[in-house]
Protein backbone atom coordinates (compact mmCIF):
# COMPACT_ATOMS: atom_id res chain seq x y z
CA MET A 1 118.59 146.90 97.03
CA ALA A 2 117.95 146.64 100.34
CA ARG A 3 114.47 146.17 99.54
CA GLY A 4 115.76 142.67 97.47
CA TRP A 5 117.54 140.83 100.39
CA GLU A 6 113.74 141.44 103.20
CA SER A 7 112.97 139.88 100.78
CA LYS A 8 114.53 137.04 100.12
CA SER A 9 115.63 137.06 103.62
CA VAL A 10 111.19 137.12 104.32
CA GLU A 11 111.05 133.82 101.62
CA SER A 12 113.88 132.11 104.19
CA GLN A 13 112.01 132.20 106.97
CA MET A 14 108.99 131.45 105.44
CA GLU A 15 110.60 128.57 103.95
CA SER A 16 111.76 127.97 107.44
CA ALA A 17 108.27 127.87 108.85
CA GLU A 18 106.92 125.70 106.05
CA ARG A 19 110.27 122.92 106.73
CA ARG A 20 109.00 123.50 110.65
CA ARG A 21 105.19 122.04 110.25
CA ILE A 22 105.84 119.88 107.59
CA ASP A 23 108.50 117.74 110.00
CA GLY A 24 106.00 118.66 113.00
CA GLU A 25 102.95 116.61 110.52
CA ARG A 26 106.25 113.52 109.96
CA LEU A 27 107.02 113.23 113.43
CA ARG A 28 102.85 113.16 113.84
CA LEU A 29 102.42 110.34 111.65
CA SER A 30 105.06 109.05 113.25
CA GLN A 31 103.82 108.39 117.12
CA GLU A 32 100.92 107.25 115.07
CA GLU A 33 101.99 105.02 113.00
CA LEU A 34 104.31 103.51 116.25
CA ASN A 35 101.02 103.63 118.45
CA ARG A 36 99.02 101.50 115.66
CA GLN A 37 102.58 98.84 116.00
CA ARG A 38 102.62 98.82 119.52
CA GLU A 39 99.14 98.07 119.73
CA ARG A 40 99.32 95.00 116.89
CA GLU A 41 101.89 93.62 119.04
CA GLY A 42 99.76 93.22 121.63
CA LEU A 43 98.01 91.69 120.00
CA GLN A 44 99.47 89.41 118.51
CA LEU A 45 101.04 88.74 121.91
CA SER A 46 97.25 87.97 123.08
CA ARG A 47 96.89 86.14 119.73
CA THR A 48 99.79 83.62 121.02
CA ARG A 49 98.29 82.64 124.67
CA VAL A 50 95.56 81.69 123.05
CA LEU A 51 95.89 79.47 120.76
CA ARG A 52 99.01 78.14 123.42
CA ASP A 53 95.50 77.68 125.70
CA LEU A 54 93.19 76.68 123.03
CA THR A 55 95.45 73.92 122.25
CA SER A 56 95.11 72.74 125.47
CA ALA A 57 91.29 73.56 125.98
CA LYS A 58 89.23 69.91 126.98
CA GLY A 59 86.61 71.20 125.37
CA GLY A 60 83.25 72.44 126.68
CA HIS A 61 82.78 76.40 126.92
CA TYR A 62 86.11 77.65 127.66
CA ARG A 63 86.93 75.85 124.42
CA GLU A 64 84.11 78.21 122.60
CA SER A 65 85.33 81.45 124.54
CA LEU A 66 88.50 81.04 123.09
CA GLU A 67 87.60 80.71 120.29
CA ALA A 68 85.99 83.27 119.96
CA ALA A 69 88.19 85.72 121.20
CA LEU A 70 90.51 84.47 118.39
CA ASN A 71 87.74 85.25 116.42
CA TYR A 72 88.25 88.68 117.71
CA LEU A 73 91.25 88.58 116.94
CA ASP A 74 92.01 87.74 114.09
CA THR A 75 89.72 90.62 113.22
CA LYS A 76 91.76 93.37 115.13
CA ILE A 77 94.16 92.15 113.31
CA ALA A 78 93.35 92.44 110.43
CA ALA A 79 92.06 96.18 110.37
CA LEU A 80 95.20 97.56 111.91
CA GLY A 81 96.60 96.07 107.94
């Protein structure tokens, strides 16, 4: 009977270790998702600023530069999902 108890204890320890490993992976994925969300929010704020500047730009090279920046930001935001 003692051996059965011992093997149950070992099995319990193994399950506990597996749970900790899975929880660690979830935490890491959550951290990656948070980083991706922060990056997306920063890009969207930049996009808002570029759009505001674009509405007041009269023309010329500055307007072209803003349009290129807008295209770049749209591409980056789309790549993040």
